[in-house]
Amino acid sequence: MNKQSPASQQTIAWRTKQEIKELKPTPGQCPR
């Protein structure tokens, strides 16, 4: 697990950010 490059870690952080964004309902946008 420690063999992943820093770029991979950045992608994971970005993905987590996107997931948090999706969890929060945005005005004018339906979650599903």
N, C-alpha and C. Protein backbone atom coordinates (compact mmCIF):
# COMPACT_ATOMS: atom_id res chain seq x y z
N MET A 1 0.84 -1.21 0.00
CA MET A 1 0.00 0.00 0.00
C MET A 1 0.87 1.26 0.00
N ASN A 2 2.10 1.08 0.47
CA ASN A 2 3.00 2.23 0.54
C ASN A 2 3.73 2.43 -0.78
N LYS A 3 3.47 1.52 -1.74
CA LYS A 3 4.19 1.60 -3.01
C LYS A 3 3.51 2.57 -3.98
N GLN A 4 2.37 3.09 -3.57
CA GLN A 4 1.66 3.99 -4.48
C GLN A 4 2.36 5.34 -4.59
N SER A 5 2.35 5.90 -5.78
CA SER A 5 3.02 7.19 -6.00
C SER A 5 2.19 8.32 -5.39
N PRO A 6 2.83 9.45 -5.13
CA PRO A 6 2.12 10.60 -4.54
C PRO A 6 0.95 11.04 -5.42
N ALA A 7 1.11 10.86 -6.72
CA ALA A 7 0.02 11.24 -7.63
C ALA A 7 -1.22 10.42 -7.31
N SER A 8 -1.02 9.14 -6.99
CA SER A 8 -2.15 8.27 -6.66
C SER A 8 -2.84 8.78 -5.41
N GLN A 9 -2.04 9.19 -4.45
CA GLN A 9 -2.63 9.69 -3.20
C GLN A 9 -3.44 10.95 -3.48
N GLN A 10 -2.93 11.78 -4.38
CA GLN A 10 -3.65 13.02 -4.70
C GLN A 10 -4.99 12.67 -5.34
N THR A 11 -4.98 11.68 -6.21
CA THR A 11 -6.23 11.28 -6.87
C THR A 11 -7.23 10.79 -5.83
N ILE A 12 -6.74 10.04 -4.85
CA ILE A 12 -7.64 9.53 -3.81
C ILE A 12 -8.25 10.70 -3.04
N ALA A 13 -7.42 11.67 -2.72
CA ALA A 13 -7.92 12.84 -1.97
C ALA A 13 -8.95 13.58 -2.83
N TRP A 14 -8.67 13.71 -4.13
CA TRP A 14 -9.61 14.41 -5.01
C TRP A 14 -10.93 13.64 -5.08
N ARG A 15 -10.81 12.32 -5.16
CA ARG A 15 -12.03 11.49 -5.24
C ARG A 15 -12.84 11.65 -3.96
N THR A 16 -12.17 11.66 -2.84
CA THR A 16 -12.88 11.83 -1.56
C THR A 16 -13.60 13.16 -1.56
N LYS A 17 -12.93 14.18 -2.09
CA LYS A 17 -13.56 15.51 -2.15
C LYS A 17 -14.83 15.45 -2.99
N GLN A 18 -14.75 14.78 -4.13
CA GLN A 18 -15.92 14.67 -5.01
C GLN A 18 -17.04 13.90 -4.30
N GLU A 19 -16.68 12.87 -3.58
CA GLU A 19 -17.70 12.08 -2.87
C GLU A 19 -18.40 12.94 -1.83
N ILE A 20 -17.64 13.74 -1.11
CA ILE A 20 -18.23 14.61 -0.08
C ILE A 20 -19.17 15.60 -0.77
N LYS A 21 -18.75 16.08 -1.94
CA LYS A 21 -19.59 17.04 -2.68
C LYS A 21 -20.90 16.39 -3.06
N GLU A 22 -20.82 15.13 -3.49
CA GLU A 22 -22.04 14.42 -3.91
C GLU A 22 -22.95 14.16 -2.72
N LEU A 23 -22.36 13.97 -1.56
CA LEU A 23 -23.17 13.70 -0.37
C LEU A 23 -24.00 14.94 -0.03
N LYS A 24 -23.43 16.11 -0.29
CA LYS A 24 -24.16 17.34 0.02
C LYS A 24 -25.05 17.71 -1.15
N PRO A 25 -26.34 17.79 -0.94
CA PRO A 25 -27.26 18.14 -2.03
C PRO A 25 -27.00 19.56 -2.52
N THR A 26 -26.78 19.69 -3.82
CA THR A 26 -26.54 21.02 -4.38
C THR A 26 -27.85 21.63 -4.85
N PRO A 27 -28.08 22.89 -4.58
CA PRO A 27 -29.32 23.55 -5.01
C PRO A 27 -29.46 23.49 -6.53
N GLY A 28 -30.62 23.02 -6.97
CA GLY A 28 -30.87 22.95 -8.41
C GLY A 28 -30.36 21.65 -9.01
N GLN A 29 -29.87 20.74 -8.18
CA GLN A 29 -29.37 19.46 -8.71
C GLN A 29 -29.91 18.31 -7.88
N CYS A 30 -30.44 17.30 -8.56
CA CYS A 30 -30.96 16.14 -7.84
C CYS A 30 -29.83 15.14 -7.58
N PRO A 31 -29.73 14.64 -6.38
CA PRO A 31 -28.69 13.66 -6.06
C PRO A 31 -28.82 12.41 -6.92
N ARG A 32 -30.06 12.02 -7.20
CA ARG A 32 -30.24 10.82 -8.01
C ARG A 32 -31.37 11.05 -8.99
